[in-house]
């Protein structure tokens, strides 16, 4: 074959391969955007949460009524617990203590808790890779891998239902060595409602005689906290600040900081002690770093390595430099 023709064939082949790669990248991006969008599907099923050798089984019901998401999650083993979400409010029922915890909604099983426009932010911190089509809970699902671009975050694998774009399986993993930290997966999944919205609403409003603990707090500006962040770890941005009363009566301030895929919480409260200490704990994919300094108790927690949380705490400064 003449050299010129060989070069032409090689160039054409390279162009075709580049076009195929670009199309694959575009398709993966589209799958992620579908999964990030609010789900319009009604569905129900059984989900399994595995952290190490600990397994928990949950019954999940998700409805859309009057434009609001309704979700009812029941823990099927151990102490009875139910969590019900309607719109932006979630209530956790603890029958043994006769207590209802009220908080803001942060996503749910099978659904993303990220803004729809976070796909672009995600790609600045993670490389998206296709894992191809597979079957989860007897359904066709597209696998997408989020590969961290640095050591500040864990990787994730999502299997997204082909028909509804519900995330049927999510695995959070770390490298060196590569291992799964936490897995959430539907063992059975069905489109359509297993119950009526009125039943969920009735349970949401029930048990009026139980003690209610409101954890929602109020939104505040950084200028009201006495603290602020300096340079944040790469890819992370402030997403909001909340204040609430803690059990001791002190004000607890919560900063939300995220990279598009993961949101980390950083808590601050005043403290009378003079000691300095730091403690690190890990619960599956969730890391907790607690730091005591004279006058301040700070806690950072989220699905990221401890070094990321330590960097966030180091970036917190008192206003005025004190």
Protein backbone atom coordinates (compact mmCIF):
# COMPACT_ATOMS: atom_id res chain seq x y z
CA UNK A 1 0.00 0.00 0.00
CA UNK A 2 1.48 3.43 -0.91
CA UNK A 3 2.63 5.57 2.03
CA UNK A 4 0.20 8.38 1.18
CA UNK A 5 -2.74 5.97 1.16
CA UNK A 6 -1.58 4.39 4.43
CA UNK A 7 -1.45 7.81 6.08
CA UNK A 8 -4.88 8.70 4.72
CA UNK A 9 -6.40 5.47 6.11
CA UNK A 10 -4.69 6.05 9.46
CA UNK A 11 -5.98 9.63 9.66
CA UNK A 12 -9.50 8.55 8.73
CA UNK A 13 -9.40 5.79 11.35
CA UNK A 14 -8.16 8.25 13.99
CA UNK A 15 -10.97 10.67 13.10
CA UNK A 16 -13.58 7.90 13.37
CA UNK A 17 -12.23 6.76 16.75
CA UNK A 18 -12.17 10.34 18.03
CA UNK A 19 -15.79 10.83 16.89
CA UNK A 20 -16.84 7.58 18.60
CA UNK A 21 -15.07 8.63 21.84
CA UNK A 22 -16.72 12.08 21.72
CA UNK A 23 -20.14 10.46 21.16
CA UNK A 24 -19.58 8.07 24.07
CA UNK A 25 -18.60 10.97 26.33
CA UNK A 26 -21.70 12.89 25.22
CA UNK A 27 -23.92 9.87 25.92
CA UNK A 28 -22.49 9.41 29.43
CA UNK A 29 -23.04 13.12 30.13
CA UNK A 30 -26.66 12.76 29.00
CA UNK A 31 -27.22 9.78 31.31
CA UNK A 32 -25.88 11.77 34.27
CA UNK A 33 -28.10 14.75 33.42
CA UNK A 34 -31.13 12.44 33.31
CA UNK A 35 -30.26 10.99 36.73
CA UNK A 36 -29.74 14.46 38.20
CA UNK A 37 -33.12 15.74 36.99
CA UNK A 38 -36.04 15.51 39.45
CA UNK A 39 -37.74 12.15 38.96
CA UNK A 40 -41.25 12.26 37.52
CA UNK A 41 -41.69 8.51 38.01
CA UNK A 42 -43.70 6.76 40.68
CA UNK A 43 -41.83 3.70 41.92
CA UNK A 44 -41.47 1.33 44.84
CA UNK A 45 -39.15 -1.46 45.85
CA UNK A 46 -36.73 -2.91 48.37
CA UNK A 47 -33.29 -1.37 48.78
CA UNK A 48 -30.24 -2.81 50.52
CA UNK A 49 -27.62 -0.61 52.17
CA UNK A 50 -24.28 -2.31 52.84
CA UNK A 51 -21.46 -0.75 54.88
CA UNK A 52 -18.66 -3.23 55.49
CA UNK A 53 -20.27 -6.36 56.91
CA UNK A 54 -23.37 -4.45 58.07
CA UNK A 55 -26.48 -4.74 55.90
CA UNK A 56 -29.77 -2.88 56.26
CA UNK A 57 -32.92 -3.50 54.23
CA UNK A 58 -35.35 -0.71 53.42
CA UNK A 59 -38.80 -0.55 51.83
CA UNK A 60 -39.00 2.49 49.53
CA UNK A 61 -42.08 4.18 48.09
CA UNK A 62 -41.75 7.25 45.84
CA UNK A 63 -44.67 9.25 44.44
CA UNK A 64 -45.16 12.55 42.66
CA UNK A 65 -48.35 14.34 43.72
CA UNK A 66 -49.33 17.91 42.86
CA UNK A 67 -45.79 18.51 41.62
CA UNK A 68 -44.24 17.53 44.97
CA UNK A 69 -42.11 14.42 45.62
CA UNK A 70 -43.43 12.13 48.33
CA UNK A 71 -41.12 9.44 49.66
CA UNK A 72 -41.68 6.89 52.39
CA UNK A 73 -38.75 4.76 53.61
CA UNK A 74 -39.21 2.03 56.21
CA UNK A 75 -36.33 0.23 57.96
CA UNK A 76 -37.16 -3.48 57.97
CA UNK A 77 -34.67 -4.73 60.60
CA UNK A 78 -33.78 -3.73 64.13
CA UNK A 79 -35.37 -0.75 65.82
CA UNK A 80 -38.42 0.44 63.84
CA UNK A 81 -37.86 3.68 61.95
CA UNK A 82 -39.69 5.46 59.17
CA UNK A 83 -38.67 8.50 57.16
CA UNK A 84 -41.27 10.39 55.15
CA UNK A 85 -40.53 13.25 52.80
CA UNK A 86 -43.06 15.64 51.30
CA UNK A 87 -41.62 18.41 49.18
CA UNK A 88 -38.73 20.08 50.99
CA UNK A 89 -39.54 18.67 54.45
CA UNK A 90 -38.56 15.28 55.82
CA UNK A 91 -39.73 13.67 59.07
CA UNK A 92 -38.02 10.75 60.77
CA UNK A 93 -40.26 8.73 63.13
CA UNK A 94 -38.60 6.94 66.07
CA UNK A 95 -41.35 4.84 67.72
CA UNK A 96 -39.26 3.52 70.62
CA UNK A 97 -38.52 7.09 71.76
CA UNK A 98 -41.86 8.53 70.56
CA UNK A 99 -39.88 11.25 68.80
CA UNK A 100 -40.23 12.89 65.37
CA UNK A 101 -37.16 14.58 63.86
CA UNK A 102 -37.99 17.29 61.31
CA UNK A 103 -35.35 18.36 58.82
CA UNK A 104 -34.80 19.68 55.32
CA UNK A 105 -34.93 17.16 52.49
CA UNK A 106 -31.63 16.05 50.94
CA UNK A 107 -32.51 13.63 48.16
CA UNK A 108 -33.44 10.01 48.75
CA UNK A 109 -32.87 6.44 47.62
CA UNK A 110 -32.83 6.26 43.84
CA UNK A 111 -32.81 10.03 43.49
CA UNK A 112 -30.04 12.58 43.36
CA UNK A 113 -29.85 15.43 45.86
CA UNK A 114 -27.87 17.59 43.44
CA UNK A 115 -28.95 20.57 41.39
CA UNK A 116 -29.65 19.78 37.74
CA UNK A 117 -26.95 22.22 36.62
CA UNK A 118 -24.29 20.46 38.72
CA UNK A 119 -23.27 18.13 35.85
CA UNK A 120 -20.72 20.66 34.57
CA UNK A 121 -19.28 21.14 38.05
CA UNK A 122 -19.00 17.40 38.50
CA UNK A 123 -16.86 17.05 35.38
CA UNK A 124 -14.34 19.57 36.66
CA UNK A 125 -13.56 17.26 39.60
CA UNK A 126 -14.40 13.82 38.17
CA UNK A 127 -13.82 12.04 34.88
CA UNK A 128 -16.98 10.32 33.62
CA UNK A 129 -16.59 6.82 32.21
CA UNK A 130 -19.16 4.43 30.79
CA UNK A 131 -19.49 1.01 32.45
CA UNK A 132 -21.91 -0.12 29.75
CA UNK A 133 -25.36 -1.62 30.10
CA UNK A 134 -26.03 -4.15 32.87
CA UNK A 135 -28.98 -5.53 34.83
CA UNK A 136 -29.92 -4.37 38.33
CA UNK A 137 -33.07 -5.66 40.06
CA UNK A 138 -33.97 -7.36 36.77
CA UNK A 139 -33.91 -4.08 34.83
CA UNK A 140 -31.61 -2.65 32.18
CA UNK A 141 -29.34 0.01 33.65
CA UNK A 142 -26.50 2.15 32.35
CA UNK A 143 -23.34 2.16 34.45
CA UNK A 144 -21.46 5.44 34.91
CA UNK A 145 -18.20 5.75 36.83
CA UNK A 146 -17.12 9.02 38.48
CA UNK A 147 -13.32 8.85 38.66
CA UNK A 148 -11.77 11.52 40.95
CA UNK A 149 -9.27 13.84 39.31
CA UNK A 150 -7.38 14.17 42.63
CA UNK A 151 -7.10 12.59 46.08
CA UNK A 152 -9.66 14.97 47.65
CA UNK A 153 -12.66 12.75 46.89
CA UNK A 154 -13.88 9.20 46.57
CA UNK A 155 -15.06 7.62 43.34
CA UNK A 156 -18.64 6.56 42.66
CA UNK A 157 -20.38 4.12 40.33
CA UNK A 158 -24.02 4.67 39.38
CA UNK A 159 -26.33 2.25 37.58
CA UNK A 160 -29.14 4.35 36.08
CA UNK A 161 -32.44 2.72 35.10
CA UNK A 162 -32.84 2.91 31.33
CA UNK A 163 -36.58 3.66 31.46
CA UNK A 164 -36.97 5.99 34.45
CA UNK A 165 -33.40 7.33 35.04
CA UNK A 166 -33.71 6.32 38.71
CA UNK A 167 -30.33 5.36 40.22
CA UNK A 168 -30.83 1.66 40.96
CA UNK A 169 -27.38 1.13 42.44
CA UNK A 170 -24.70 3.41 43.84
CA UNK A 171 -21.25 2.34 45.01
CA UNK A 172 -18.82 4.70 46.73
CA UNK A 173 -15.21 3.51 46.44
CA UNK A 174 -11.68 4.56 47.23
CA UNK A 175 -8.38 3.82 45.52
CA UNK A 176 -5.06 2.54 46.94
CA UNK A 177 -6.28 -0.06 47.55
CA UNK A 178 -9.44 0.01 45.44
CA UNK A 179 -12.36 -1.12 47.58
CA UNK A 180 -16.05 -0.39 47.99
CA UNK A 181 -16.86 1.72 51.04
CA UNK A 182 -20.64 1.72 50.75
CA UNK A 183 -23.23 0.22 48.42
CA UNK A 184 -26.90 1.13 47.97
CA UNK A 185 -28.86 -1.07 45.60
CA UNK A 186 -32.45 -1.99 44.83
CA UNK A 187 -32.97 -5.74 45.12
CA UNK A 188 -36.40 -5.31 43.55
CA UNK A 189 -37.76 -2.25 41.77
CA UNK A 190 -41.15 -1.54 40.21
CA UNK A 191 -42.51 1.46 38.36
CA UNK A 192 -45.92 2.62 39.51
CA UNK A 193 -47.41 3.45 42.89
CA UNK A 194 -47.62 0.81 45.62
CA UNK A 195 -49.88 3.04 47.72
CA UNK A 196 -51.84 6.27 47.40
CA UNK A 197 -50.44 9.74 48.09
CA UNK A 198 -53.18 10.27 50.68
CA UNK A 199 -51.81 7.38 52.75
CA UNK A 200 -48.32 8.92 52.79
CA UNK A 201 -49.70 12.34 53.71
CA UNK A 202 -51.72 10.83 56.55
CA UNK A 203 -48.67 9.08 58.01
CA UNK A 204 -46.64 12.30 57.58
CA UNK A 205 -49.12 14.21 59.76
CA UNK A 206 -49.75 11.43 62.31
CA UNK A 207 -48.48 10.96 65.88
CA UNK A 208 -49.19 14.53 66.90
CA UNK A 209 -48.71 13.55 70.57
CA UNK A 210 -45.05 12.61 70.07
CA UNK A 211 -42.17 14.97 70.85
CA UNK A 212 -41.07 16.95 67.79
CA UNK A 213 -37.48 18.12 67.32
CA UNK A 214 -37.09 20.66 64.54
CA UNK A 215 -33.61 20.46 62.97
CA UNK A 216 -34.31 22.64 59.94
CA UNK A 217 -32.85 25.85 61.28
CA UNK A 218 -32.79 29.10 59.32
CA UNK A 219 -30.69 30.31 56.42
CA UNK A 220 -28.11 32.94 57.37
CA UNK A 221 -25.33 34.89 55.69
CA UNK A 222 -21.64 34.32 56.40
CA UNK A 223 -21.46 37.78 57.95
CA UNK A 224 -23.81 36.60 60.73
CA UNK A 225 -21.66 33.66 61.82
CA UNK A 226 -18.41 35.26 62.98
CA UNK A 227 -16.52 32.80 60.76
CA UNK A 228 -15.70 32.47 57.09
CA UNK A 229 -13.80 30.25 54.68
CA UNK A 230 -10.49 31.16 53.11
CA UNK A 231 -9.24 29.12 50.15
CA UNK A 232 -11.39 26.00 49.80
CA UNK A 233 -10.06 22.66 48.53
CA UNK A 234 -10.06 22.43 44.73
CA UNK A 235 -13.52 22.04 43.18
CA UNK A 236 -15.49 22.84 46.35
CA UNK A 237 -17.85 25.81 46.62
CA UNK A 238 -20.10 27.14 49.42
CA UNK A 239 -23.71 26.02 48.93
CA UNK A 240 -25.47 27.51 51.95
CA UNK A 241 -25.35 28.26 55.68
CA UNK A 242 -27.92 27.19 58.29
CA UNK A 243 -28.25 27.92 62.01
CA UNK A 244 -30.23 25.96 64.60
CA UNK A 245 -30.45 25.43 68.36
CA UNK A 246 -28.52 22.40 69.60
CA UNK A 247 -29.62 20.11 72.47
CA UNK A 248 -27.55 22.20 74.91
CA UNK A 249 -29.32 25.38 73.83
CA UNK A 250 -26.27 26.72 72.00
CA UNK A 251 -26.46 27.93 68.42
CA UNK A 252 -24.99 25.50 65.90
CA UNK A 253 -23.97 26.84 62.51
CA UNK A 254 -23.81 24.46 59.53
CA UNK A 255 -21.96 25.29 56.32
CA UNK A 256 -22.76 23.24 53.22
CA UNK A 257 -19.82 22.93 50.82
CA UNK A 258 -19.93 20.81 47.66
CA UNK A 259 -18.17 19.84 44.45
CA UNK A 260 -21.33 19.06 42.44
CA UNK A 261 -21.39 15.36 43.29
CA UNK A 262 -20.75 15.42 47.04
CA UNK A 263 -21.94 17.88 49.68
CA UNK A 264 -19.97 18.18 52.93
CA UNK A 265 -21.30 19.68 56.17
CA UNK A 266 -19.10 21.76 58.47
CA UNK A 267 -20.56 22.52 61.91
CA UNK A 268 -19.41 25.15 64.39
CA UNK A 269 -20.46 25.91 67.95
CA UNK A 270 -18.88 27.90 70.75
CA UNK A 271 -17.02 25.93 73.42
CA UNK A 272 -15.70 26.98 76.82
CA UNK A 273 -12.79 24.53 76.94
CA UNK A 274 -9.16 25.45 76.35
CA UNK A 275 -7.84 22.10 75.09
CA UNK A 276 -6.83 21.39 71.51
CA UNK A 277 -7.58 18.00 69.96
CA UNK A 278 -8.71 16.28 66.77
CA UNK A 279 -10.56 13.00 66.24
CA UNK A 280 -11.22 11.18 62.95
CA UNK A 281 -13.91 8.52 62.48
CA UNK A 282 -15.12 6.59 59.44
CA UNK A 283 -18.58 5.07 58.89
CA UNK A 284 -18.51 3.42 55.50
CA UNK A 285 -18.14 6.22 52.97
CA UNK A 286 -18.81 8.93 55.57
CA UNK A 287 -15.82 10.47 57.36
CA UNK A 288 -16.15 12.65 60.45
CA UNK A 289 -13.41 14.99 61.73
CA UNK A 290 -13.96 16.74 65.08
CA UNK A 291 -11.59 19.50 66.10
CA UNK A 292 -11.53 21.28 69.46
CA UNK A 293 -9.77 24.60 69.84
CA UNK A 294 -10.01 27.18 72.61
CA UNK A 295 -13.48 28.69 72.25
CA UNK A 296 -14.57 26.59 69.26
CA UNK A 297 -15.83 23.09 68.52
CA UNK A 298 -15.88 22.29 64.80
CA UNK A 299 -17.04 19.14 63.04
CA UNK A 300 -16.77 18.30 59.33
CA UNK A 301 -18.52 15.29 57.84
CA UNK A 302 -19.20 13.90 54.38
CA UNK A 303 -18.40 11.21 51.82
CA UNK A 304 -14.81 12.38 51.27
CA UNK A 305 -11.35 11.43 52.64
CA UNK A 306 -10.31 12.80 56.03
CA UNK A 307 -7.65 15.03 54.39
CA UNK A 308 -10.41 16.94 52.58
CA UNK A 309 -12.32 17.56 55.80
CA UNK A 310 -9.14 18.63 57.57
CA UNK A 311 -8.43 21.08 54.75
CA UNK A 312 -11.95 22.51 55.10
CA UNK A 313 -11.52 23.00 58.85
CA UNK A 314 -8.11 24.60 58.27
CA UNK A 315 -9.73 27.00 55.79
CA UNK A 316 -12.18 28.28 58.44
CA UNK A 317 -11.06 31.55 60.00
CA UNK A 318 -12.60 33.84 62.57
CA UNK A 319 -13.62 37.17 61.16
CA UNK A 320 -11.05 39.81 61.88
CA UNK A 321 -8.33 37.14 62.00
CA UNK A 322 -8.80 36.48 65.70
